[in-house]
N, C-alpha and C. Protein backbone atom coordinates (compact mmCIF):
# COMPACT_ATOMS: atom_id res chain seq x y z
N MET A 1 14.31 -139.77 167.07
CA MET A 1 13.35 -140.32 166.28
C MET A 1 13.18 -141.95 166.50
N ASN A 2 11.91 -142.13 166.61
CA ASN A 2 11.32 -143.57 166.67
C ASN A 2 11.37 -144.27 165.32
N TRP A 3 12.38 -144.90 165.02
CA TRP A 3 12.45 -145.38 163.62
C TRP A 3 11.28 -146.59 163.15
N GLY A 4 10.94 -147.57 164.24
CA GLY A 4 10.06 -148.43 164.11
C GLY A 4 8.68 -147.69 163.58
N LYS A 5 8.47 -146.71 164.67
CA LYS A 5 6.93 -145.99 164.31
C LYS A 5 7.13 -145.18 163.02
N ALA A 6 8.31 -144.86 162.50
CA ALA A 6 8.26 -143.99 161.41
C ALA A 6 8.24 -145.03 160.29
N VAL A 7 8.65 -146.22 160.22
CA VAL A 7 8.78 -147.27 159.26
C VAL A 7 7.22 -147.50 159.02
N VAL A 8 6.72 -147.98 160.21
CA VAL A 8 5.28 -148.57 160.10
C VAL A 8 4.44 -147.43 159.70
N ALA A 9 4.56 -146.30 160.08
CA ALA A 9 3.68 -145.11 159.40
C ALA A 9 3.91 -144.85 158.01
N GLY A 10 5.07 -145.09 157.51
CA GLY A 10 5.46 -144.84 156.05
C GLY A 10 4.73 -146.10 155.55
N LEU A 11 4.85 -147.33 155.88
CA LEU A 11 4.38 -148.32 155.05
C LEU A 11 2.80 -148.28 155.03
N ALA A 12 2.21 -147.69 156.21
CA ALA A 12 0.53 -147.45 155.91
C ALA A 12 0.45 -146.50 154.95
N ALA A 13 1.16 -145.30 154.87
CA ALA A 13 1.09 -144.32 154.14
C ALA A 13 1.23 -144.64 152.81
N GLY A 14 2.21 -145.47 152.16
CA GLY A 14 2.75 -146.19 151.16
C GLY A 14 1.44 -147.10 150.63
N PHE A 15 1.02 -147.88 151.59
CA PHE A 15 -0.14 -148.62 151.27
C PHE A 15 -1.58 -147.79 150.70
N VAL A 16 -1.67 -146.89 151.63
CA VAL A 16 -2.95 -146.08 151.18
C VAL A 16 -2.76 -145.28 149.90
N GLN A 17 -1.48 -144.50 149.53
CA GLN A 17 -1.19 -144.18 148.28
C GLN A 17 -1.32 -144.91 147.39
N ASN A 18 -0.89 -146.23 147.41
CA ASN A 18 -0.97 -147.15 146.23
C ASN A 18 -2.42 -147.54 145.74
N ILE A 19 -3.34 -147.62 146.88
CA ILE A 19 -4.79 -147.47 146.82
C ILE A 19 -5.30 -146.37 145.96
N VAL A 20 -5.02 -145.15 146.41
CA VAL A 20 -5.18 -143.87 145.75
C VAL A 20 -4.69 -143.84 144.30
N ASN A 21 -3.59 -144.35 144.14
CA ASN A 21 -3.10 -144.44 142.66
C ASN A 21 -3.63 -145.34 142.08
N PHE A 22 -4.16 -146.50 142.27
CA PHE A 22 -4.93 -147.48 141.45
C PHE A 22 -6.39 -146.67 141.11
N VAL A 23 -6.79 -146.04 142.19
CA VAL A 23 -8.39 -145.69 141.75
C VAL A 23 -8.13 -144.26 140.64
N LEU A 24 -7.03 -143.62 141.06
CA LEU A 24 -6.89 -142.39 140.10
C LEU A 24 -6.48 -142.82 138.65
N HIS A 25 -5.35 -143.49 138.66
CA HIS A 25 -4.78 -143.99 137.32
C HIS A 25 -5.71 -145.13 136.66
N GLY A 26 -6.13 -146.01 137.53
CA GLY A 26 -6.92 -147.33 136.80
C GLY A 26 -8.36 -147.05 136.63
N LEU A 27 -8.87 -146.24 137.55
CA LEU A 27 -10.58 -145.99 137.29
C LEU A 27 -10.75 -144.50 136.71
N VAL A 28 -10.20 -143.65 137.32
CA VAL A 28 -10.65 -142.09 136.96
C VAL A 28 -9.80 -141.69 135.57
N LEU A 29 -8.80 -142.07 135.47
CA LEU A 29 -7.97 -141.68 134.25
C LEU A 29 -7.58 -142.85 133.33
N GLY A 30 -8.10 -143.95 133.62
CA GLY A 30 -7.68 -145.47 132.77
C GLY A 30 -8.21 -144.90 131.19
N GLY A 31 -9.12 -144.21 131.02
CA GLY A 31 -9.47 -144.18 129.55
C GLY A 31 -8.74 -142.96 128.84
N ALA A 32 -7.98 -142.24 129.57
CA ALA A 32 -7.00 -141.39 128.95
C ALA A 32 -5.60 -141.96 128.59
N TYR A 33 -5.30 -143.11 129.03
CA TYR A 33 -4.16 -143.95 128.27
C TYR A 33 -4.59 -144.90 127.26
N VAL A 34 -5.71 -144.89 127.06
CA VAL A 34 -6.02 -146.07 125.92
C VAL A 34 -5.43 -145.74 124.80
N ASP A 35 -5.62 -144.73 124.02
CA ASP A 35 -5.29 -144.27 122.87
C ASP A 35 -3.99 -143.35 122.76
N GLU A 36 -3.27 -143.90 123.67
CA GLU A 36 -1.66 -143.06 123.73
C GLU A 36 -0.83 -144.17 123.40
N PRO A 37 0.04 -144.04 122.49
CA PRO A 37 1.20 -145.03 121.85
C PRO A 37 2.28 -145.28 122.94
N ALA A 38 2.52 -144.24 123.93
CA ALA A 38 3.51 -144.40 124.82
C ALA A 38 3.10 -145.28 126.06
N PHE A 39 1.74 -145.59 125.83
CA PHE A 39 1.33 -146.42 127.35
C PHE A 39 0.84 -147.94 126.82
N VAL A 40 1.00 -148.28 125.52
CA VAL A 40 0.88 -149.43 124.97
C VAL A 40 1.70 -150.55 125.66
N GLN A 41 1.33 -151.59 126.17
CA GLN A 41 1.95 -152.51 127.08
C GLN A 41 1.48 -153.91 126.51
N GLU A 42 2.38 -154.82 126.81
CA GLU A 42 2.22 -156.30 126.53
C GLU A 42 1.53 -156.87 127.97
N PRO A 43 0.47 -157.62 127.76
CA PRO A 43 -0.08 -157.92 128.84
C PRO A 43 0.79 -158.71 129.75
N ASP A 44 1.63 -159.38 129.44
CA ASP A 44 2.71 -160.35 130.38
C ASP A 44 3.50 -159.32 131.18
N SER A 45 3.98 -158.17 131.01
CA SER A 45 4.56 -157.39 131.60
C SER A 45 3.84 -156.37 132.83
N MET A 46 2.50 -156.71 132.42
CA MET A 46 1.78 -155.96 133.51
C MET A 46 1.56 -156.38 135.02
N ALA A 47 1.96 -157.76 135.16
CA ALA A 47 1.61 -158.44 136.50
C ALA A 47 2.80 -157.81 137.44
N MET A 48 4.19 -157.84 136.71
CA MET A 48 5.25 -157.46 137.51
C MET A 48 5.32 -156.12 137.66
N GLN A 49 4.67 -155.02 136.86
CA GLN A 49 4.50 -153.99 137.01
C GLN A 49 3.75 -153.47 138.14
N ILE A 50 2.71 -154.30 138.51
CA ILE A 50 1.82 -154.06 139.46
C ILE A 50 2.71 -154.26 140.81
N VAL A 51 3.45 -155.17 140.83
CA VAL A 51 4.29 -155.65 142.20
C VAL A 51 5.31 -154.26 142.25
N TRP A 52 5.88 -153.93 141.14
CA TRP A 52 6.57 -152.83 141.19
C TRP A 52 5.86 -151.52 141.79
N PHE A 53 4.74 -151.10 141.19
CA PHE A 53 4.00 -149.99 141.84
C PHE A 53 3.97 -150.03 143.26
N LEU A 54 3.76 -151.34 143.81
CA LEU A 54 3.34 -151.34 145.50
C LEU A 54 4.55 -151.14 145.91
N VAL A 55 5.90 -152.04 145.49
CA VAL A 55 6.97 -151.83 146.17
C VAL A 55 7.30 -150.27 146.10
N ILE A 56 7.31 -149.54 145.12
CA ILE A 56 7.89 -148.26 144.93
C ILE A 56 7.01 -147.41 146.04
N ALA A 57 5.58 -147.62 146.20
CA ALA A 57 4.67 -146.84 146.83
C ALA A 57 4.94 -146.95 148.44
N LEU A 58 5.59 -148.07 148.76
CA LEU A 58 5.82 -148.61 150.15
C LEU A 58 7.21 -147.81 150.29
N VAL A 59 8.05 -148.01 149.59
CA VAL A 59 9.51 -147.24 149.70
C VAL A 59 9.38 -145.74 149.90
N LEU A 60 8.68 -145.08 148.89
CA LEU A 60 8.04 -143.70 148.96
C LEU A 60 7.56 -143.13 150.15
N GLY A 61 6.76 -144.23 150.65
CA GLY A 61 6.00 -143.79 152.13
C GLY A 61 6.92 -143.94 153.12
N VAL A 62 7.75 -144.81 153.04
CA VAL A 62 8.82 -144.76 154.25
C VAL A 62 9.86 -143.47 154.20
N VAL A 63 10.05 -143.28 152.92
CA VAL A 63 11.09 -142.14 152.72
C VAL A 63 10.39 -141.01 153.32
N ALA A 64 9.16 -140.72 152.59
CA ALA A 64 8.30 -139.74 153.23
C ALA A 64 8.15 -139.41 154.71
N SER A 65 7.79 -140.74 155.20
CA SER A 65 7.56 -140.90 156.82
C SER A 65 8.92 -140.30 157.37
N VAL A 66 9.96 -140.77 157.15
CA VAL A 66 11.68 -140.17 157.61
C VAL A 66 11.39 -138.69 157.73
N LEU A 67 11.09 -138.38 156.54
CA LEU A 67 11.29 -136.67 156.38
C LEU A 67 10.25 -136.01 157.26
N PHE A 68 9.17 -136.46 157.19
CA PHE A 68 8.19 -135.85 158.10
C PHE A 68 8.56 -136.02 159.52
N THR A 69 8.63 -137.43 160.05
CA THR A 69 9.36 -137.34 161.34
C THR A 69 10.26 -136.34 161.81
N CYS A 70 11.36 -136.36 160.86
CA CYS A 70 12.37 -135.40 161.31
C CYS A 70 12.28 -134.03 161.13
N SER A 71 10.84 -133.50 160.77
CA SER A 71 10.45 -132.13 160.54
C SER A 71 9.01 -131.91 161.10
N ARG A 72 8.72 -132.93 161.92
CA ARG A 72 7.36 -132.99 162.53
C ARG A 72 6.93 -131.69 163.09
N GLN A 73 7.87 -130.97 163.91
CA GLN A 73 7.63 -130.09 164.80
C GLN A 73 7.29 -128.55 163.71
N SER A 74 7.68 -128.72 162.68
CA SER A 74 7.38 -127.70 161.70
C SER A 74 5.95 -127.64 161.14
N TRP A 75 5.31 -128.80 161.41
CA TRP A 75 3.88 -128.75 160.54
C TRP A 75 2.83 -128.85 161.63
N GLN A 76 1.66 -128.74 161.33
CA GLN A 76 0.52 -128.47 162.28
C GLN A 76 0.29 -130.00 162.96
N ALA A 77 -0.56 -130.02 164.01
CA ALA A 77 -0.79 -131.04 164.59
C ALA A 77 -1.72 -131.89 163.80
N GLY A 78 -1.57 -133.08 163.97
CA GLY A 78 -2.73 -133.94 163.12
C GLY A 78 -2.71 -134.40 161.71
N ALA A 79 -3.75 -134.76 161.22
CA ALA A 79 -3.90 -135.02 159.61
C ALA A 79 -3.61 -133.70 158.72
N LYS A 80 -3.97 -132.53 159.37
CA LYS A 80 -3.73 -131.28 158.52
C LYS A 80 -2.69 -130.92 158.50
N GLY A 81 -1.57 -131.09 159.33
CA GLY A 81 -0.12 -130.77 159.14
C GLY A 81 0.39 -131.79 158.11
N GLY A 82 0.06 -132.95 158.17
CA GLY A 82 0.45 -133.98 157.07
C GLY A 82 -0.03 -133.96 155.71
N LEU A 83 -1.23 -133.41 155.78
CA LEU A 83 -1.69 -132.89 154.46
C LEU A 83 -0.74 -131.90 153.74
N HIS A 84 -0.79 -130.89 154.71
CA HIS A 84 0.34 -129.89 153.85
C HIS A 84 1.69 -130.16 153.46
N PHE A 85 2.21 -131.33 154.39
CA PHE A 85 3.46 -131.78 153.98
C PHE A 85 3.25 -132.53 152.93
N GLY A 86 2.36 -133.63 152.65
CA GLY A 86 2.17 -134.20 151.50
C GLY A 86 1.96 -133.54 150.05
N ILE A 87 1.04 -132.33 150.47
CA ILE A 87 0.99 -131.59 149.23
C ILE A 87 2.41 -131.14 148.61
N LEU A 88 2.98 -130.52 149.50
CA LEU A 88 4.25 -129.80 149.08
C LEU A 88 5.06 -130.98 148.48
N LEU A 89 5.58 -132.09 149.15
CA LEU A 89 6.01 -133.34 148.50
C LEU A 89 5.71 -133.78 147.30
N GLY A 90 4.53 -133.92 147.31
CA GLY A 90 3.80 -134.49 146.00
C GLY A 90 4.08 -133.47 144.70
N ALA A 91 4.01 -132.14 145.21
CA ALA A 91 4.18 -131.22 143.90
C ALA A 91 5.57 -131.42 143.52
N ALA A 92 6.69 -131.61 144.51
CA ALA A 92 8.04 -131.62 144.25
C ALA A 92 8.34 -132.67 143.38
N ILE A 93 7.61 -133.95 143.85
CA ILE A 93 7.86 -135.25 143.04
C ILE A 93 7.21 -135.06 141.79
N GLY A 94 5.93 -134.64 141.80
CA GLY A 94 5.09 -134.53 140.67
C GLY A 94 5.89 -133.87 139.41
N PHE A 95 6.64 -132.53 139.91
CA PHE A 95 6.99 -131.90 138.77
C PHE A 95 7.91 -132.62 137.85
N GLN A 96 8.88 -133.64 138.52
CA GLN A 96 9.78 -134.41 137.84
C GLN A 96 9.17 -135.01 136.70
N GLN A 97 8.14 -135.27 136.73
CA GLN A 97 7.06 -135.92 135.33
C GLN A 97 7.43 -135.21 134.07
N PHE A 98 7.66 -133.93 134.12
CA PHE A 98 7.58 -133.26 132.82
C PHE A 98 9.05 -133.35 132.14
N TYR A 99 10.04 -134.03 132.90
CA TYR A 99 10.91 -134.51 132.08
C TYR A 99 10.73 -135.63 130.85
N LEU A 100 9.70 -136.38 131.28
CA LEU A 100 9.39 -137.57 130.69
C LEU A 100 8.64 -136.91 129.18
N THR A 101 8.27 -136.17 129.12
CA THR A 101 7.91 -135.39 127.71
C THR A 101 9.11 -135.27 126.98
N LEU A 102 10.03 -134.95 127.54
CA LEU A 102 11.44 -134.58 126.74
C LEU A 102 12.20 -135.94 126.28
N VAL A 103 11.92 -136.88 127.18
CA VAL A 103 12.89 -138.11 126.73
C VAL A 103 12.14 -139.29 126.44
N ILE A 104 10.81 -139.33 126.43
CA ILE A 104 10.13 -140.55 126.08
C ILE A 104 9.53 -140.03 125.01
N SER A 105 9.47 -140.74 123.46
CA SER A 105 8.95 -140.58 122.34
C SER A 105 7.42 -140.64 122.53
N ASP A 106 6.77 -139.94 122.27
CA ASP A 106 5.16 -139.74 122.14
C ASP A 106 4.74 -139.79 123.24
N PHE A 107 5.38 -139.18 124.46
CA PHE A 107 4.87 -138.97 125.60
C PHE A 107 3.69 -137.67 125.77
N PRO A 108 2.65 -137.89 126.05
CA PRO A 108 1.94 -136.48 125.80
C PRO A 108 1.97 -135.76 127.08
N TYR A 109 2.24 -134.40 126.71
CA TYR A 109 2.41 -133.28 127.63
C TYR A 109 1.09 -133.32 128.93
N HIS A 110 0.23 -133.16 128.29
CA HIS A 110 -1.01 -133.34 129.19
C HIS A 110 -1.04 -134.44 130.16
N VAL A 111 -0.46 -135.37 129.83
CA VAL A 111 -0.38 -136.47 130.99
C VAL A 111 0.56 -136.17 132.17
N ALA A 112 1.53 -135.32 131.61
CA ALA A 112 2.48 -134.97 132.78
C ALA A 112 1.58 -134.10 133.69
N TRP A 113 0.85 -133.02 133.28
CA TRP A 113 -0.09 -132.55 134.08
C TRP A 113 -0.88 -133.33 134.73
N MET A 114 -1.59 -134.46 134.27
CA MET A 114 -2.50 -135.18 135.05
C MET A 114 -1.64 -135.94 136.06
N TRP A 115 -0.56 -136.49 135.68
CA TRP A 115 0.49 -137.10 136.79
C TRP A 115 0.85 -136.07 137.94
N LEU A 116 1.16 -134.68 137.66
CA LEU A 116 1.16 -133.91 138.67
C LEU A 116 0.11 -133.59 139.77
N ALA A 117 -1.06 -133.81 139.26
CA ALA A 117 -2.38 -133.58 139.98
C ALA A 117 -2.50 -134.91 140.77
N VAL A 118 -2.01 -135.91 140.32
CA VAL A 118 -2.12 -137.26 140.96
C VAL A 118 -1.32 -137.35 142.04
N GLU A 119 0.15 -136.98 141.67
CA GLU A 119 1.08 -137.00 142.83
C GLU A 119 0.58 -136.15 143.92
N ILE A 120 0.00 -134.88 143.88
CA ILE A 120 -0.23 -134.00 144.83
C ILE A 120 -1.53 -134.58 145.74
N ILE A 121 -2.31 -135.23 144.93
CA ILE A 121 -3.58 -135.74 145.68
C ILE A 121 -3.09 -137.24 146.63
N SER A 122 -2.29 -137.88 145.84
CA SER A 122 -1.61 -139.00 146.45
C SER A 122 -0.89 -138.88 147.45
N PHE A 123 0.20 -138.02 147.40
CA PHE A 123 0.71 -137.55 148.52
C PHE A 123 0.29 -136.83 149.55
N GLY A 124 -0.64 -135.95 149.29
CA GLY A 124 -1.56 -135.37 150.17
C GLY A 124 -2.23 -136.16 151.28
N ILE A 125 -3.10 -137.32 150.68
CA ILE A 125 -3.72 -138.17 151.44
C ILE A 125 -2.74 -139.10 152.17
N GLY A 126 -1.41 -139.52 151.76
CA GLY A 126 -0.64 -140.25 152.42
C GLY A 126 -0.03 -139.48 153.48
N GLY A 127 0.24 -138.13 153.44
CA GLY A 127 0.57 -137.29 154.29
C GLY A 127 -0.44 -137.12 155.46
N MET A 128 -1.72 -137.12 155.24
CA MET A 128 -2.74 -137.20 156.04
C MET A 128 -2.52 -138.47 157.26
N VAL A 129 -2.16 -139.41 156.50
CA VAL A 129 -2.29 -140.75 157.25
C VAL A 129 -0.78 -140.64 158.24
N LEU A 130 0.39 -140.12 157.57
CA LEU A 130 1.34 -139.62 158.45
C LEU A 130 1.14 -138.77 159.59
N GLY A 131 0.44 -137.84 159.30
CA GLY A 131 0.10 -136.79 160.32
C GLY A 131 -0.81 -137.31 161.47
N ALA A 132 -1.73 -138.32 161.13
CA ALA A 132 -2.50 -139.02 162.10
C ALA A 132 -1.69 -140.04 162.90
N LEU A 133 -0.94 -140.59 162.29
CA LEU A 133 0.19 -141.68 163.10
C LEU A 133 1.23 -140.98 163.58
N ILE A 134 1.64 -140.11 163.33
CA ILE A 134 3.13 -139.54 163.91
C ILE A 134 2.61 -138.13 164.61
N LYS A 135 2.56 -138.11 165.95
CA LYS A 135 2.12 -137.13 166.64
C LYS A 135 3.21 -136.01 166.98
N ARG A 136 2.63 -134.80 167.04
CA ARG A 136 3.68 -133.87 167.62
C ARG A 136 4.06 -133.80 168.82
N ALA A 137 5.33 -133.43 169.35
CA ALA A 137 5.71 -133.32 170.78
C ALA A 137 5.37 -131.96 171.00
N ASP A 138 4.33 -131.61 171.75
CA ASP A 138 3.94 -130.10 172.06
C ASP A 138 4.26 -129.86 173.30
């Protein structure tokens, strides 16, 4: 495995996923969070959270890239194989959101479903980046 290529592809995928998450959470679903008590934040804490969102997206992108690189021969060539990988990984990661409804006071159940969809879309697009950057050895 070419670790340098895997890390670079993972950083690219993580960056793209961060943009997708910003669009989906901030623009598309932003209104869904306004009246939910679980999402009331102090403005001072928001700046640091934005940094953490970027860092976590980059780390997840690199981890996903290593998994994808190790299993690359199992996936179709090009972005299509990456899309399938990303959708499955996004579903696996997204389902863990449902524990939030059990442990966080006032966490709305419908938000867990929205976040599952966001993870599938985000990791699907990130997977397409990985599929385009990490070629199969045919």
